[in-house]
Amino acid sequence: MKVKIFDENHEKDLEKAINDFLSTLEGEVIDIKFQVGISVFAEEQIYCFSAMIIYQ
């Protein structure tokens, strides 16, 4: 069993990175975990979109 972790600033970038990885994966996906982190710096909101794919 292995894991692959993705971390992007935009949800579309995360979607593309995951789709690119899955298109080349020769194993089986066991699970996908998704998380969004939000912080505020001055008046700017900063988002962090991340996912972990567990696969064999």
C-alpha atoms as a PDB file:
ATOM      1  CA  MET A   1       0.000   0.000   0.000  1.00  0.00           C
ATOM      2  CA  LYS A   2       1.253   3.505  -0.857  1.00  0.00           C
ATOM      3  CA  VAL A   3       0.072   7.098  -0.480  1.00  0.00           C
ATOM      4  CA  LYS A   4       0.338  10.158  -2.703  1.00  0.00           C
ATOM      5  CA  ILE A   5      -0.243  13.627  -1.253  1.00  0.00           C
ATOM      6  CA  PHE A   6      -1.287  16.679  -3.261  1.00  0.00           C
ATOM      7  CA  ASP A   7      -1.297  20.292  -2.043  1.00  0.00           C
ATOM      8  CA  GLU A   8      -2.475  23.171  -4.229  1.00  0.00           C
ATOM      9  CA  ASN A   9      -3.617  26.783  -3.811  1.00  0.00           C
ATOM     10  CA  HIS A  10      -6.581  26.441  -6.189  1.00  0.00           C
ATOM     11  CA  GLU A  11      -9.185  23.685  -6.411  1.00  0.00           C
ATOM     12  CA  LYS A  12      -8.833  23.424 -10.192  1.00  0.00           C
ATOM     13  CA  ASP A  13      -5.070  22.843  -9.819  1.00  0.00           C
ATOM     14  CA  LEU A  14      -5.758  20.073  -7.307  1.00  0.00           C
ATOM     15  CA  GLU A  15      -8.326  18.522  -9.618  1.00  0.00           C
ATOM     16  CA  LYS A  16      -5.865  18.528 -12.526  1.00  0.00           C
ATOM     17  CA  ALA A  17      -3.020  17.078 -10.447  1.00  0.00           C
ATOM     18  CA  ILE A  18      -5.222  14.249  -9.166  1.00  0.00           C
ATOM     19  CA  ASN A  19      -6.648  13.484 -12.610  1.00  0.00           C
ATOM     20  CA  ASP A  20      -3.138  13.416 -14.110  1.00  0.00           C
ATOM     21  CA  PHE A  21      -1.967  11.026 -11.398  1.00  0.00           C
ATOM     22  CA  LEU A  22      -4.999   8.762 -11.738  1.00  0.00           C
ATOM     23  CA  SER A  23      -4.643   8.593 -15.511  1.00  0.00           C
ATOM     24  CA  THR A  24      -1.181   7.026 -15.120  1.00  0.00           C
ATOM     25  CA  LEU A  25      -1.925   4.869 -12.064  1.00  0.00           C
ATOM     26  CA  GLU A  26      -1.644   1.175 -12.806  1.00  0.00           C
ATOM     27  CA  GLY A  27      -2.755   0.078  -9.334  1.00  0.00           C
ATOM     28  CA  GLU A  28      -6.034   0.261  -7.460  1.00  0.00           C
ATOM     29  CA  VAL A  29      -7.290   3.285  -5.515  1.00  0.00           C
ATOM     30  CA  ILE A  30      -8.217   2.302  -1.969  1.00  0.00           C
ATOM     31  CA  ASP A  31      -9.383   5.705  -0.682  1.00  0.00           C
ATOM     32  CA  ILE A  32      -9.140   9.454  -1.301  1.00  0.00           C
ATOM     33  CA  LYS A  33      -9.119  11.950   1.575  1.00  0.00           C
ATOM     34  CA  PHE A  34      -9.809  15.635   0.847  1.00  0.00           C
ATOM     35  CA  GLN A  35      -9.237  18.700   3.022  1.00  0.00           C
ATOM     36  CA  VAL A  36      -9.460  22.485   2.727  1.00  0.00           C
ATOM     37  CA  GLY A  37      -7.514  24.837   4.973  1.00  0.00           C
ATOM     38  CA  ILE A  38      -8.301  28.552   5.210  1.00  0.00           C
ATOM     39  CA  SER A  39      -6.268  31.287   6.857  1.00  0.00           C
ATOM     40  CA  VAL A  40      -6.446  35.055   6.876  1.00  0.00           C
ATOM     41  CA  PHE A  41      -3.387  37.241   6.337  1.00  0.00           C
ATOM     42  CA  ALA A  42      -4.135  40.962   6.635  1.00  0.00           C
ATOM     43  CA  GLU A  43      -7.297  41.269   4.519  1.00  0.00           C
ATOM     44  CA  GLU A  44      -6.460  38.340   2.237  1.00  0.00           C
ATOM     45  CA  GLN A  45      -7.956  34.856   2.579  1.00  0.00           C
ATOM     46  CA  ILE A  46      -5.519  32.059   1.771  1.00  0.00           C
ATOM     47  CA  TYR A  47      -6.847  28.637   0.794  1.00  0.00           C
ATOM     48  CA  CYS A  48      -4.996  25.333   0.771  1.00  0.00           C
ATOM     49  CA  PHE A  49      -6.630  22.420  -1.036  1.00  0.00           C
ATOM     50  CA  SER A  50      -5.102  19.041  -0.301  1.00  0.00           C
ATOM     51  CA  ALA A  51      -5.805  15.399  -0.938  1.00  0.00           C
ATOM     52  CA  MET A  52      -4.269  12.082  -0.035  1.00  0.00           C
ATOM     53  CA  ILE A  53      -4.741   9.079  -2.293  1.00  0.00           C
ATOM     54  CA  ILE A  54      -4.201   5.649  -0.771  1.00  0.00           C
ATOM     55  CA  TYR A  55      -3.502   3.052  -3.450  1.00  0.00           C
ATOM     56  CA  GLN A  56      -1.890  -0.289  -4.224  1.00  0.00           C
END
